[in-house]
């Protein structure tokens, strides 16, 4: 009985930790989208101003990603899937000005 319980606990820990590892991988997909799509214009000398991800809060990035895009972002936004937008948002939030984990050495 103890052996069965030990195996069950081990499996539960494995599932719990692997789920959080996979959930954290989405920001990496967002980073790839950012580099491939956004950096075409948002770079030094590009058509648009450089993006500084730490200039908006998490709420600001959420509002930006969820609103209907107009102008230069409209075409790109129409091509992105909802999953890609979520990945991009997760990447933006990683560097948002109110994300404490990205400010190593502070507080």
PDB file of N, CA and C in Angstrom:
ATOM      1  N   UNK A   1       0.819  -1.193   0.000  1.00  0.00           N
ATOM      2  CA  UNK A   1       0.000   0.000   0.000  1.00  0.00           C
ATOM      3  C   UNK A   1       0.866   1.261   0.000  1.00  0.00           C
ATOM      4  N   UNK A   2       1.940   1.233   0.795  1.00  0.00           N
ATOM      5  CA  UNK A   2       2.828   2.391   0.831  1.00  0.00           C
ATOM      6  C   UNK A   2       3.498   2.612  -0.515  1.00  0.00           C
ATOM      7  N   UNK A   3       3.844   1.527  -1.169  1.00  0.00           N
ATOM      8  CA  UNK A   3       4.495   1.631  -2.474  1.00  0.00           C
ATOM      9  C   UNK A   3       3.554   2.280  -3.494  1.00  0.00           C
ATOM     10  N   UNK A   4       2.304   1.869  -3.511  1.00  0.00           N
ATOM     11  CA  UNK A   4       1.321   2.436  -4.430  1.00  0.00           C
ATOM     12  C   UNK A   4       1.132   3.922  -4.139  1.00  0.00           C
ATOM     13  N   UNK A   5       1.043   4.265  -2.872  1.00  0.00           N
ATOM     14  CA  UNK A   5       0.888   5.662  -2.480  1.00  0.00           C
ATOM     15  C   UNK A   5       2.116   6.485  -2.883  1.00  0.00           C
ATOM     16  N   UNK A   6       3.300   5.937  -2.712  1.00  0.00           N
ATOM     17  CA  UNK A   6       4.533   6.632  -3.101  1.00  0.00           C
ATOM     18  C   UNK A   6       4.579   6.876  -4.609  1.00  0.00           C
ATOM     19  N   UNK A   7       4.202   5.881  -5.376  1.00  0.00           N
ATOM     20  CA  UNK A   7       4.189   6.023  -6.832  1.00  0.00           C
ATOM     21  C   UNK A   7       3.153   7.075  -7.241  1.00  0.00           C
ATOM     22  N   UNK A   8       2.002   7.046  -6.617  1.00  0.00           N
ATOM     23  CA  UNK A   8       0.960   8.013  -6.932  1.00  0.00           C
ATOM     24  C   UNK A   8       1.424   9.439  -6.618  1.00  0.00           C
ATOM     25  N   UNK A   9       2.058   9.635  -5.485  1.00  0.00           N
ATOM     26  CA  UNK A   9       2.572  10.956  -5.113  1.00  0.00           C
ATOM     27  C   UNK A   9       3.649  11.397  -6.102  1.00  0.00           C
ATOM     28  N   UNK A  10       4.533  10.492  -6.487  1.00  0.00           N
ATOM     29  CA  UNK A  10       5.586  10.817  -7.450  1.00  0.00           C
ATOM     30  C   UNK A  10       4.987  11.232  -8.792  1.00  0.00           C
ATOM     31  N   UNK A  11       3.978  10.524  -9.241  1.00  0.00           N
ATOM     32  CA  UNK A  11       3.327  10.853 -10.508  1.00  0.00           C
ATOM     33  C   UNK A  11       2.654  12.225 -10.413  1.00  0.00           C
ATOM     34  N   UNK A  12       2.004  12.504  -9.298  1.00  0.00           N
ATOM     35  CA  UNK A  12       1.357  13.809  -9.119  1.00  0.00           C
ATOM     36  C   UNK A  12       2.371  14.944  -9.154  1.00  0.00           C
ATOM     37  N   UNK A  13       3.520  14.776  -8.494  1.00  0.00           N
ATOM     38  CA  UNK A  13       4.564  15.790  -8.537  1.00  0.00           C
ATOM     39  C   UNK A  13       5.087  15.979  -9.955  1.00  0.00           C
ATOM     40  N   UNK A  14       5.286  14.887 -10.661  1.00  0.00           N
ATOM     41  CA  UNK A  14       5.776  14.959 -12.026  1.00  0.00           C
ATOM     42  C   UNK A  14       4.805  15.733 -12.918  1.00  0.00           C
ATOM     43  N   UNK A  15       3.533  15.444 -12.803  1.00  0.00           N
ATOM     44  CA  UNK A  15       2.522  16.128 -13.597  1.00  0.00           C
ATOM     45  C   UNK A  15       2.461  17.607 -13.225  1.00  0.00           C
ATOM     46  N   UNK A  16       2.503  17.908 -11.941  1.00  0.00           N
ATOM     47  CA  UNK A  16       2.414  19.300 -11.489  1.00  0.00           C
ATOM     48  C   UNK A  16       3.595  20.117 -12.000  1.00  0.00           C
ATOM     49  N   UNK A  17       4.795  19.591 -11.894  1.00  0.00           N
ATOM     50  CA  UNK A  17       5.965  20.349 -12.317  1.00  0.00           C
ATOM     51  C   UNK A  17       6.101  20.404 -13.831  1.00  0.00           C
ATOM     52  N   UNK A  18       5.718  19.366 -14.535  1.00  0.00           N
ATOM     53  CA  UNK A  18       5.810  19.409 -15.989  1.00  0.00           C
ATOM     54  C   UNK A  18       4.782  20.371 -16.564  1.00  0.00           C
ATOM     55  N   UNK A  19       3.617  20.489 -15.950  1.00  0.00           N
ATOM     56  CA  UNK A  19       2.600  21.429 -16.419  1.00  0.00           C
ATOM     57  C   UNK A  19       3.101  22.857 -16.316  1.00  0.00           C
ATOM     58  N   UNK A  20       3.736  23.202 -15.206  1.00  0.00           N
ATOM     59  CA  UNK A  20       4.231  24.569 -15.061  1.00  0.00           C
ATOM     60  C   UNK A  20       5.385  24.827 -16.014  1.00  0.00           C
ATOM     61  N   UNK A  21       6.173  23.820 -16.315  1.00  0.00           N
ATOM     62  CA  UNK A  21       7.276  24.004 -17.260  1.00  0.00           C
ATOM     63  C   UNK A  21       6.739  24.248 -18.665  1.00  0.00           C
ATOM     64  N   UNK A  22       5.705  23.513 -19.046  1.00  0.00           N
ATOM     65  CA  UNK A  22       5.130  23.723 -20.370  1.00  0.00           C
ATOM     66  C   UNK A  22       4.408  25.057 -20.456  1.00  0.00           C
ATOM     67  N   UNK A  23       3.745  25.471 -19.385  1.00  0.00           N
ATOM     68  CA  UNK A  23       3.047  26.755 -19.392  1.00  0.00           C
ATOM     69  C   UNK A  23       4.031  27.903 -19.543  1.00  0.00           C
ATOM     70  N   UNK A  24       5.222  27.778 -18.967  1.00  0.00           N
ATOM     71  CA  UNK A  24       6.222  28.823 -19.063  1.00  0.00           C
ATOM     72  C   UNK A  24       6.870  28.897 -20.428  1.00  0.00           C
ATOM     73  N   UNK A  25       6.694  27.888 -21.241  1.00  0.00           N
ATOM     74  CA  UNK A  25       7.335  27.874 -22.561  1.00  0.00           C
ATOM     75  C   UNK A  25       6.662  28.822 -23.549  1.00  0.00           C
ATOM     76  N   UNK A  26       5.424  29.244 -23.266  1.00  0.00           N
ATOM     77  CA  UNK A  26       4.703  30.105 -24.202  1.00  0.00           C
ATOM     78  C   UNK A  26       5.388  31.437 -24.447  1.00  0.00           C
ATOM     79  N   UNK A  27       6.064  31.979 -23.445  1.00  0.00           N
ATOM     80  CA  UNK A  27       6.740  33.263 -23.664  1.00  0.00           C
ATOM     81  C   UNK A  27       7.847  33.111 -24.698  1.00  0.00           C
ATOM     82  N   UNK A  28       8.429  31.925 -24.776  1.00  0.00           N
ATOM     83  CA  UNK A  28       9.463  31.698 -25.795  1.00  0.00           C
ATOM     84  C   UNK A  28       8.874  31.745 -27.202  1.00  0.00           C
ATOM     85  N   UNK A  29       7.688  31.187 -27.342  1.00  0.00           N
ATOM     86  CA  UNK A  29       7.005  31.270 -28.642  1.00  0.00           C
ATOM     87  C   UNK A  29       6.680  32.728 -28.957  1.00  0.00           C
ATOM     88  N   UNK A  30       6.274  33.474 -27.944  1.00  0.00           N
ATOM     89  CA  UNK A  30       6.004  34.897 -28.123  1.00  0.00           C
ATOM     90  C   UNK A  30       7.248  35.672 -28.516  1.00  0.00           C
ATOM     91  N   UNK A  31       8.374  35.286 -27.959  1.00  0.00           N
ATOM     92  CA  UNK A  31       9.638  35.940 -28.307  1.00  0.00           C
ATOM     93  C   UNK A  31       9.967  35.712 -29.782  1.00  0.00           C
ATOM     94  N   UNK A  32       9.724  34.504 -30.258  1.00  0.00           N
ATOM     95  CA  UNK A  32       9.976  34.208 -31.673  1.00  0.00           C
ATOM     96  C   UNK A  32       9.076  35.038 -32.581  1.00  0.00           C
ATOM     97  N   UNK A  33       7.805  35.169 -32.196  1.00  0.00           N
ATOM     98  CA  UNK A  33       6.879  35.983 -32.975  1.00  0.00           C
ATOM     99  C   UNK A  33       7.338  37.434 -32.959  1.00  0.00           C
ATOM    100  N   UNK A  34       7.724  37.922 -31.792  1.00  0.00           N
ATOM    101  CA  UNK A  34       8.200  39.295 -31.647  1.00  0.00           C
ATOM    102  C   UNK A  34       9.394  39.562 -32.558  1.00  0.00           C
ATOM    103  N   UNK A  35      10.358  38.652 -32.517  1.00  0.00           N
ATOM    104  CA  UNK A  35      11.558  38.849 -33.348  1.00  0.00           C
ATOM    105  C   UNK A  35      11.246  38.752 -34.835  1.00  0.00           C
ATOM    106  N   UNK A  36      10.372  37.823 -35.199  1.00  0.00           N
ATOM    107  CA  UNK A  36      10.074  37.599 -36.609  1.00  0.00           C
ATOM    108  C   UNK A  36       9.153  38.679 -37.180  1.00  0.00           C
ATOM    109  N   UNK A  37       8.135  39.066 -36.435  1.00  0.00           N
ATOM    110  CA  UNK A  37       7.113  39.957 -36.966  1.00  0.00           C
ATOM    111  C   UNK A  37       7.290  41.410 -36.520  1.00  0.00           C
ATOM    112  N   UNK A  38       7.407  41.629 -35.248  1.00  0.00           N
ATOM    113  CA  UNK A  38       7.418  42.995 -34.710  1.00  0.00           C
ATOM    114  C   UNK A  38       8.724  43.730 -35.006  1.00  0.00           C
ATOM    115  N   UNK A  39       9.825  43.002 -34.927  1.00  0.00           N
ATOM    116  CA  UNK A  39      11.124  43.640 -35.119  1.00  0.00           C
ATOM    117  C   UNK A  39      11.373  44.060 -36.561  1.00  0.00           C
ATOM    118  N   UNK A  40      10.518  43.663 -37.485  1.00  0.00           N
ATOM    119  CA  UNK A  40      10.650  44.151 -38.859  1.00  0.00           C
ATOM    120  C   UNK A  40      10.545  45.667 -38.905  1.00  0.00           C
ATOM    121  N   UNK A  41       9.636  46.215 -38.113  1.00  0.00           N
ATOM    122  CA  UNK A  41       9.428  47.670 -38.102  1.00  0.00           C
ATOM    123  C   UNK A  41       9.963  48.334 -36.827  1.00  0.00           C
ATOM    124  N   UNK A  42       9.811  47.645 -35.694  1.00  0.00           N
ATOM    125  CA  UNK A  42      10.191  48.213 -34.401  1.00  0.00           C
ATOM    126  C   UNK A  42      11.657  47.922 -34.093  1.00  0.00           C
ATOM    127  N   UNK A  43      12.525  48.508 -34.851  1.00  0.00           N
ATOM    128  CA  UNK A  43      13.966  48.356 -34.646  1.00  0.00           C
ATOM    129  C   UNK A  43      14.623  49.699 -34.917  1.00  0.00           C
ATOM    130  N   UNK A  44      15.851  49.818 -34.528  1.00  0.00           N
ATOM    131  CA  UNK A  44      16.585  51.054 -34.781  1.00  0.00           C
ATOM    132  C   UNK A  44      16.640  51.300 -36.278  1.00  0.00           C
ATOM    133  N   UNK A  45      16.185  52.449 -36.696  1.00  0.00           N
ATOM    134  CA  UNK A  45      16.165  52.776 -38.117  1.00  0.00           C
ATOM    135  C   UNK A  45      14.987  52.190 -38.866  1.00  0.00           C
ATOM    136  N   UNK A  46      14.072  51.530 -38.158  1.00  0.00           N
ATOM    137  CA  UNK A  46      12.907  50.928 -38.798  1.00  0.00           C
ATOM    138  C   UNK A  46      11.797  51.941 -39.009  1.00  0.00           C
ATOM    139  N   UNK A  47      10.710  51.484 -39.584  1.00  0.00           N
ATOM    140  CA  UNK A  47       9.575  52.358 -39.868  1.00  0.00           C
ATOM    141  C   UNK A  47       8.890  52.860 -38.598  1.00  0.00           C
ATOM    142  N   UNK A  48       8.917  52.074 -37.547  1.00  0.00           N
ATOM    143  CA  UNK A  48       8.244  52.431 -36.301  1.00  0.00           C
ATOM    144  C   UNK A  48       9.272  52.612 -35.186  1.00  0.00           C
ATOM    145  N   UNK A  49       8.837  53.262 -34.110  1.00  0.00           N
ATOM    146  CA  UNK A  49       9.730  53.459 -32.977  1.00  0.00           C
ATOM    147  C   UNK A  49      10.097  52.112 -32.369  1.00  0.00           C
ATOM    148  N   UNK A  50      11.270  52.066 -31.749  1.00  0.00           N
ATOM    149  CA  UNK A  50      11.684  50.846 -31.048  1.00  0.00           C
ATOM    150  C   UNK A  50      10.732  50.586 -29.898  1.00  0.00           C
ATOM    151  N   UNK A  51      10.417  49.341 -29.683  1.00  0.00           N
ATOM    152  CA  UNK A  51       9.553  48.957 -28.570  1.00  0.00           C
ATOM    153  C   UNK A  51      10.415  48.734 -27.334  1.00  0.00           C
ATOM    154  N   UNK A  52      10.003  49.322 -26.253  1.00  0.00           N
ATOM    155  CA  UNK A  52      10.637  49.069 -24.961  1.00  0.00           C
ATOM    156  C   UNK A  52       9.583  48.363 -24.128  1.00  0.00           C
ATOM    157  N   UNK A  53       9.754  47.062 -23.965  1.00  0.00           N
ATOM    158  CA  UNK A  53       8.730  46.250 -23.323  1.00  0.00           C
ATOM    159  C   UNK A  53       8.484  46.640 -21.878  1.00  0.00           C
ATOM    160  N   UNK A  54       9.457  47.280 -21.243  1.00  0.00           N
ATOM    161  CA  UNK A  54       9.287  47.660 -19.840  1.00  0.00           C
ATOM    162  C   UNK A  54       8.634  49.028 -19.673  1.00  0.00           C
ATOM    163  N   UNK A  55       8.117  49.608 -20.740  1.00  0.00           N
ATOM    164  CA  UNK A  55       7.445  50.898 -20.659  1.00  0.00           C
ATOM    165  C   UNK A  55       5.954  50.767 -20.356  1.00  0.00           C
ATOM    166  N   UNK A  56       5.399  49.584 -20.519  1.00  0.00           N
ATOM    167  CA  UNK A  56       3.981  49.361 -20.215  1.00  0.00           C
ATOM    168  C   UNK A  56       3.866  48.377 -19.061  1.00  0.00           C
ATOM    169  N   UNK A  57       2.762  48.493 -18.332  1.00  0.00           N
ATOM    170  CA  UNK A  57       2.453  47.532 -17.276  1.00  0.00           C
ATOM    171  C   UNK A  57       1.818  46.293 -17.912  1.00  0.00           C
ATOM    172  N   UNK A  58       1.604  45.283 -17.102  1.00  0.00           N
ATOM    173  CA  UNK A  58       0.916  44.087 -17.598  1.00  0.00           C
ATOM    174  C   UNK A  58      -0.478  44.445 -18.107  1.00  0.00           C
ATOM    175  N   UNK A  59      -1.159  45.320 -17.373  1.00  0.00           N
ATOM    176  CA  UNK A  59      -2.502  45.751 -17.799  1.00  0.00           C
ATOM    177  C   UNK A  59      -2.423  46.508 -19.131  1.00  0.00           C
ATOM    178  N   UNK A  60      -1.390  47.315 -19.294  1.00  0.00           N
ATOM    179  CA  UNK A  60      -1.216  48.056 -20.545  1.00  0.00           C
ATOM    180  C   UNK A  60      -0.985  47.141 -21.729  1.00  0.00           C
ATOM    181  N   UNK A  61      -0.153  46.113 -21.536  1.00  0.00           N
ATOM    182  CA  UNK A  61       0.095  45.161 -22.626  1.00  0.00           C
ATOM    183  C   UNK A  61      -1.159  44.343 -22.918  1.00  0.00           C
ATOM    184  N   UNK A  62      -1.892  43.966 -21.877  1.00  0.00           N
ATOM    185  CA  UNK A  62      -3.129  43.208 -22.080  1.00  0.00           C
ATOM    186  C   UNK A  62      -4.113  44.034 -22.898  1.00  0.00           C
ATOM    187  N   UNK A  63      -4.254  45.300 -22.552  1.00  0.00           N
ATOM    188  CA  UNK A  63      -5.150  46.189 -23.290  1.00  0.00           C
ATOM    189  C   UNK A  63      -4.709  46.312 -24.746  1.00  0.00           C
ATOM    190  N   UNK A  64      -3.411  46.463 -24.975  1.00  0.00           N
ATOM    191  CA  UNK A  64      -2.891  46.597 -26.329  1.00  0.00           C
ATOM    192  C   UNK A  64      -3.181  45.347 -27.166  1.00  0.00           C
ATOM    193  N   UNK A  65      -2.900  44.188 -26.609  1.00  0.00           N
ATOM    194  CA  UNK A  65      -3.065  42.932 -27.357  1.00  0.00           C
ATOM    195  C   UNK A  65      -4.538  42.631 -27.619  1.00  0.00           C
ATOM    196  N   UNK A  66      -5.403  42.971 -26.678  1.00  0.00           N
ATOM    197  CA  UNK A  66      -6.822  42.626 -26.810  1.00  0.00           C
ATOM    198  C   UNK A  66      -7.644  43.618 -27.620  1.00  0.00           C
ATOM    199  N   UNK A  67      -7.110  44.813 -27.863  1.00  0.00           N
ATOM    200  CA  UNK A  67      -7.922  45.790 -28.592  1.00  0.00           C
ATOM    201  C   UNK A  67      -7.821  45.558 -30.106  1.00  0.00           C
ATOM    202  N   UNK A  68      -8.802  46.049 -30.806  1.00  0.00           N
ATOM    203  CA  UNK A  68      -8.805  45.972 -32.266  1.00  0.00           C
ATOM    204  C   UNK A  68      -7.701  46.880 -32.799  1.00  0.00           C
ATOM    205  N   UNK A  69      -6.781  46.325 -33.529  1.00  0.00           N
ATOM    206  CA  UNK A  69      -5.652  47.103 -34.032  1.00  0.00           C
ATOM    207  C   UNK A  69      -6.026  47.833 -35.314  1.00  0.00           C
ATOM    208  N   UNK A  70      -5.526  49.024 -35.433  1.00  0.00           N
ATOM    209  CA  UNK A  70      -5.765  49.849 -36.622  1.00  0.00           C
ATOM    210  C   UNK A  70      -4.418  50.264 -37.198  1.00  0.00           C
ATOM    211  N   UNK A  71      -4.439  50.753 -38.397  1.00  0.00           N
ATOM    212  CA  UNK A  71      -3.225  51.283 -39.007  1.00  0.00           C
ATOM    213  C   UNK A  71      -2.200  50.216 -39.323  1.00  0.00           C
ATOM    214  N   UNK A  72      -0.965  50.487 -38.968  1.00  0.00           N
ATOM    215  CA  UNK A  72       0.143  49.619 -39.362  1.00  0.00           C
ATOM    216  C   UNK A  72       0.084  48.233 -38.717  1.00  0.00           C
ATOM    217  N   UNK A  73      -0.559  48.112 -37.565  1.00  0.00           N
ATOM    218  CA  UNK A  73      -0.646  46.811 -36.900  1.00  0.00           C
ATOM    219  C   UNK A  73      -1.805  45.955 -37.408  1.00  0.00           C
ATOM    220  N   UNK A  74      -2.738  46.558 -38.113  1.00  0.00           N
ATOM    221  CA  UNK A  74      -3.967  45.868 -38.497  1.00  0.00           C
ATOM    222  C   UNK A  74      -3.714  44.626 -39.348  1.00  0.00           C
ATOM    223  N   UNK A  75      -2.870  44.723 -40.352  1.00  0.00           N
ATOM    224  CA  UNK A  75      -2.610  43.595 -41.239  1.00  0.00           C
ATOM    225  C   UNK A  75      -1.941  42.448 -40.488  1.00  0.00           C
ATOM    226  N   UNK A  76      -0.897  42.758 -39.735  1.00  0.00           N
ATOM    227  CA  UNK A  76      -0.195  41.720 -38.962  1.00  0.00           C
ATOM    228  C   UNK A  76      -1.124  41.069 -37.954  1.00  0.00           C
ATOM    229  N   UNK A  77      -1.898  41.893 -37.239  1.00  0.00           N
ATOM    230  CA  UNK A  77      -2.780  41.364 -36.200  1.00  0.00           C
ATOM    231  C   UNK A  77      -3.823  40.431 -36.794  1.00  0.00           C
ATOM    232  N   UNK A  78      -4.268  40.724 -38.011  1.00  0.00           N
ATOM    233  CA  UNK A  78      -5.239  39.862 -38.667  1.00  0.00           C
ATOM    234  C   UNK A  78      -4.670  38.504 -39.040  1.00  0.00           C
ATOM    235  N   UNK A  79      -3.363  38.423 -39.211  1.00  0.00           N
ATOM    236  CA  UNK A  79      -2.712  37.168 -39.583  1.00  0.00           C
ATOM    237  C   UNK A  79      -2.353  36.297 -38.383  1.00  0.00           C
ATOM    238  N   UNK A  80      -2.257  36.900 -37.197  1.00  0.00           N
ATOM    239  CA  UNK A  80      -1.894  36.134 -36.005  1.00  0.00           C
ATOM    240  C   UNK A  80      -3.094  35.369 -35.464  1.00  0.00           C
ATOM    241  N   UNK A  81      -2.850  34.153 -35.012  1.00  0.00           N
ATOM    242  CA  UNK A  81      -3.910  33.373 -34.371  1.00  0.00           C
ATOM    243  C   UNK A  81      -4.082  33.858 -32.931  1.00  0.00           C
ATOM    244  N   UNK A  82      -5.168  33.456 -32.300  1.00  0.00           N
ATOM    245  CA  UNK A  82      -5.386  33.811 -30.899  1.00  0.00           C
ATOM    246  C   UNK A  82      -4.277  33.239 -30.021  1.00  0.00           C
ATOM    247  N   UNK A  83      -3.832  32.034 -30.334  1.00  0.00           N
ATOM    248  CA  UNK A  83      -2.754  31.412 -29.562  1.00  0.00           C
ATOM    249  C   UNK A  83      -1.454  32.214 -29.697  1.00  0.00           C
ATOM    250  N   UNK A  84      -1.169  32.693 -30.897  1.00  0.00           N
ATOM    251  CA  UNK A  84       0.034  33.493 -31.107  1.00  0.00           C
ATOM    252  C   UNK A  84      -0.041  34.817 -30.354  1.00  0.00           C
ATOM    253  N   UNK A  85      -1.221  35.419 -30.333  1.00  0.00           N
ATOM    254  CA  UNK A  85      -1.408  36.668 -29.587  1.00  0.00           C
ATOM    255  C   UNK A  85      -1.200  36.437 -28.095  1.00  0.00           C
ATOM    256  N   UNK A  86      -1.681  35.302 -27.590  1.00  0.00           N
ATOM    257  CA  UNK A  86      -1.487  34.978 -26.173  1.00  0.00           C
ATOM    258  C   UNK A  86      -0.010  34.763 -25.867  1.00  0.00           C
ATOM    259  N   UNK A  87       0.697  34.091 -26.770  1.00  0.00           N
ATOM    260  CA  UNK A  87       2.125  33.881 -26.584  1.00  0.00           C
ATOM    261  C   UNK A  87       2.880  35.211 -26.605  1.00  0.00           C
ATOM    262  N   UNK A  88       2.496  36.077 -27.504  1.00  0.00           N
ATOM    263  CA  UNK A  88       3.113  37.397 -27.597  1.00  0.00           C
ATOM    264  C   UNK A  88       2.841  38.196 -26.325  1.00  0.00           C
ATOM    265  N   UNK A  89       1.620  38.133 -25.826  1.00  0.00           N
ATOM    266  CA  UNK A  89       1.278  38.820 -24.584  1.00  0.00           C
ATOM    267  C   UNK A  89       2.092  38.273 -23.420  1.00  0.00           C
ATOM    268  N   UNK A  90       2.249  36.969 -23.380  1.00  0.00           N
ATOM    269  CA  UNK A  90       3.037  36.363 -22.302  1.00  0.00           C
ATOM    270  C   UNK A  90       4.482  36.869 -22.350  1.00  0.00           C
ATOM    271  N   UNK A  91       5.025  37.021 -23.544  1.00  0.00           N
ATOM    272  CA  UNK A  91       6.383  37.556 -23.698  1.00  0.00           C
ATOM    273  C   UNK A  91       6.437  39.016 -23.257  1.00  0.00           C
ATOM    274  N   UNK A  92       5.471  39.815 -23.681  1.00  0.00           N
ATOM    275  CA  UNK A  92       5.435  41.225 -23.273  1.00  0.00           C
ATOM    276  C   UNK A  92       5.339  41.345 -21.757  1.00  0.00           C
ATOM    277  N   UNK A  93       4.516  40.512 -21.138  1.00  0.00           N
ATOM    278  CA  UNK A  93       4.323  40.578 -19.692  1.00  0.00           C
ATOM    279  C   UNK A  93       5.585  40.196 -18.924  1.00  0.00           C
ATOM    280  N   UNK A  94       6.381  39.358 -19.524  1.00  0.00           N
ATOM    281  CA  UNK A  94       7.631  38.949 -18.867  1.00  0.00           C
ATOM    282  C   UNK A  94       8.533  40.152 -18.596  1.00  0.00           C
ATOM    283  N   UNK A  95       8.447  41.174 -19.438  1.00  0.00           N
ATOM    284  CA  UNK A  95       9.295  42.358 -19.295  1.00  0.00           C
ATOM    285  C   UNK A  95       8.504  43.618 -18.933  1.00  0.00           C
ATOM    286  N   UNK A  96       7.229  43.469 -18.582  1.00  0.00           N
ATOM    287  CA  UNK A  96       6.408  44.623 -18.206  1.00  0.00           C
ATOM    288  C   UNK A  96       7.009  45.326 -16.993  1.00  0.00           C
ATOM    289  N   UNK A  97       6.751  46.615 -16.888  1.00  0.00           N
ATOM    290  CA  UNK A  97       7.395  47.381 -15.817  1.00  0.00           C
ATOM    291  C   UNK A  97       6.934  46.973 -14.431  1.00  0.00           C
ATOM    292  N   UNK A  98       5.789  46.319 -14.307  1.00  0.00           N
ATOM    293  CA  UNK A  98       5.342  45.883 -12.990  1.00  0.00           C
ATOM    294  C   UNK A  98       5.566  44.392 -12.735  1.00  0.00           C
ATOM    295  N   UNK A  99       6.374  43.743 -13.569  1.00  0.00           N
ATOM    296  CA  UNK A  99       6.718  42.337 -13.343  1.00  0.00           C
ATOM    297  C   UNK A  99       7.997  42.281 -12.525  1.00  0.00           C
ATOM    298  N   UNK A 100       7.886  41.819 -11.304  1.00  0.00           N
ATOM    299  CA  UNK A 100       9.036  41.814 -10.391  1.00  0.00           C
ATOM    300  C   UNK A 100      10.087  40.786 -10.762  1.00  0.00           C
ATOM    301  N   UNK A 101       9.683  39.691 -11.410  1.00  0.00           N
ATOM    302  CA  UNK A 101      10.657  38.631 -11.719  1.00  0.00           C
ATOM    303  C   UNK A 101      11.675  39.050 -12.767  1.00  0.00           C
ATOM    304  N   UNK A 102      11.348  40.061 -13.587  1.00  0.00           N
ATOM    305  CA  UNK A 102      12.290  40.472 -14.636  1.00  0.00           C
ATOM    306  C   UNK A 102      13.259  41.529 -14.152  1.00  0.00           C
ATOM    307  N   UNK A 103      13.092  41.987 -12.914  1.00  0.00           N
ATOM    308  CA  UNK A 103      13.966  43.015 -12.367  1.00  0.00           C
ATOM    309  C   UNK A 103      14.892  42.393 -11.334  1.00  0.00           C
ATOM    310  N   UNK A 104      15.795  41.563 -11.785  1.00  0.00           N
ATOM    311  CA  UNK A 104      16.696  40.871 -10.881  1.00  0.00           C
ATOM    312  C   UNK A 104      17.544  41.858 -10.104  1.00  0.00           C
ATOM    313  N   UNK A 105      17.730  41.565  -8.835  1.00  0.00           N
ATOM    314  CA  UNK A 105      18.552  42.412  -8.005  1.00  0.00           C
ATOM    315  C   UNK A 105      17.782  43.548  -7.355  1.00  0.00           C
ATOM    316  N   UNK A 106      16.529  43.718  -7.695  1.00  0.00           N
ATOM    317  CA  UNK A 106      15.726  44.775  -7.094  1.00  0.00           C
ATOM    318  C   UNK A 106      14.766  44.166  -6.086  1.00  0.00           C
ATOM    319  N   UNK A 107      14.593  44.847  -4.956  1.00  0.00           N
ATOM    320  CA  UNK A 107      13.593  44.468  -3.937  1.00  0.00           C
ATOM    321  C   UNK A 107      13.710  43.080  -3.548  1.00  0.00           C
TER     322      UNK A 107
END
